[in-house]
Protein backbone atom coordinates (compact mmCIF):
# COMPACT_ATOMS: atom_id res chain seq x y z
CA UNK A 1 19.73 1.79 35.67
CA UNK A 2 22.80 4.10 35.92
CA UNK A 3 21.55 7.81 36.43
CA UNK A 4 23.81 11.51 36.74
CA UNK A 5 20.86 12.69 38.34
CA UNK A 6 21.28 13.30 42.20
CA UNK A 7 18.23 13.90 43.86
CA UNK A 8 18.74 16.27 46.89
CA UNK A 9 17.77 19.49 48.98
CA UNK A 10 21.03 20.05 50.37
CA UNK A 11 22.09 21.54 47.09
CA UNK A 12 21.41 24.10 45.03
CA UNK A 13 20.23 22.47 41.64
CA UNK A 14 22.92 22.53 39.12
CA UNK A 15 23.47 21.27 35.15
CA UNK A 16 26.58 20.21 34.64
CA UNK A 17 25.70 17.95 31.79
CA UNK A 18 26.89 15.36 30.65
CA UNK A 19 28.89 14.65 33.75
CA UNK A 20 26.14 15.56 36.63
CA UNK A 21 22.61 16.76 37.13
CA UNK A 22 21.70 18.39 40.72
CA UNK A 23 18.11 18.21 40.92
CA UNK A 24 15.73 18.84 44.01
CA UNK A 25 13.73 15.86 45.37
CA UNK A 26 10.24 16.97 44.15
CA UNK A 27 8.83 18.96 41.50
CA UNK A 28 6.86 22.88 42.03
CA UNK A 29 4.26 23.43 39.94
CA UNK A 30 6.20 25.20 37.19
CA UNK A 31 7.85 22.03 36.02
CA UNK A 32 4.16 21.30 34.22
CA UNK A 33 5.12 24.32 31.98
CA UNK A 34 8.68 24.81 31.87
CA UNK A 35 10.44 21.29 31.01
CA UNK A 36 13.10 21.56 28.73
CA UNK A 37 15.12 18.18 27.32
CA UNK A 38 18.70 19.04 27.85
CA UNK A 39 21.75 17.38 25.76
CA UNK A 40 21.05 13.84 23.36
CA UNK A 41 19.31 10.81 23.69
CA UNK A 42 21.35 7.68 25.24
CA UNK A 43 20.90 4.18 25.64
CA UNK A 44 20.50 1.76 28.26
CA UNK A 45 18.25 -0.64 28.49
CA UNK A 46 15.81 1.67 26.37
CA UNK A 47 16.22 4.89 24.21
CA UNK A 48 15.65 8.10 27.32
CA UNK A 49 16.38 11.75 27.28
CA UNK A 50 16.62 14.07 30.46
CA UNK A 51 14.34 16.73 30.84
CA UNK A 52 15.10 19.64 33.34
CA UNK A 53 12.82 22.44 34.57
CA UNK A 54 14.07 25.48 33.65
CA UNK A 55 12.66 27.81 36.88
CA UNK A 56 13.25 25.45 39.37
CA UNK A 57 15.78 22.64 38.15
CA UNK A 58 13.81 19.68 38.69
CA UNK A 59 15.14 17.17 36.29
CA UNK A 60 13.54 13.97 35.16
CA UNK A 61 14.87 10.84 32.82
CA UNK A 62 12.25 10.73 30.35
CA UNK A 63 11.79 7.02 28.58
CA UNK A 64 11.20 7.74 24.71
CA UNK A 65 11.40 4.30 22.95
CA UNK A 66 12.49 0.49 24.51
CA UNK A 67 15.15 -1.20 23.29
CA UNK A 68 14.34 -4.40 22.17
CA UNK A 69 17.66 -6.46 21.74
CA UNK A 70 17.71 -5.62 26.05
CA UNK A 71 14.39 -7.32 26.13
CA UNK A 72 14.61 -9.79 24.11
CA UNK A 73 18.41 -10.92 25.57
CA UNK A 74 16.80 -10.81 29.23
CA UNK A 75 13.56 -12.89 28.18
CA UNK A 76 16.13 -15.80 26.39
CA UNK A 77 18.05 -16.03 29.64
CA UNK A 78 14.72 -16.19 32.22
CA UNK A 79 14.05 -19.38 33.59
CA UNK A 80 11.63 -21.48 32.00
CA UNK A 81 8.78 -22.97 33.79
CA UNK A 82 8.67 -26.86 35.17
CA UNK A 83 6.37 -29.38 34.10
CA UNK A 84 5.03 -29.58 37.67
CA UNK A 85 4.59 -25.75 38.68
CA UNK A 86 2.07 -25.18 35.57
CA UNK A 87 -1.52 -25.20 35.95
CA UNK A 88 -3.55 -28.19 35.60
CA UNK A 89 -5.49 -29.00 32.22
CA UNK A 90 -8.96 -27.15 31.59
CA UNK A 91 -11.07 -30.87 32.80
CA UNK A 92 -8.83 -30.23 36.51
CA UNK A 93 -9.79 -27.37 37.15
CA UNK A 94 -12.33 -26.59 39.43
CA UNK A 95 -14.69 -24.87 37.03
CA UNK A 96 -14.65 -28.03 35.06
CA UNK A 97 -15.79 -29.76 38.14
CA UNK A 98 -18.42 -27.79 38.86
CA UNK A 99 -20.12 -27.85 35.44
CA UNK A 100 -19.66 -31.68 35.54
CA UNK A 101 -21.33 -32.31 38.72
């Protein structure tokens, strides 16, 4: 998943949305109260927005919805289980033998 956020402590926090956002690597105590949505909603394997602390500059990517078209496409391309890899029928499990004996 691509992102425009660069997490580093070597540079000072900078908001150059929509090109790039420089963010500290860890949140501070102020982040719980000061997070603001920046920009508009994006779509990449789901709907998301960027939230940035107005005090320290910490930025996160918040998923606000799933893209069901992408999920459906991934599931349709997933390999199907082979018959030999499936679990045995209920009669052949150890639980069935335990009750029969």
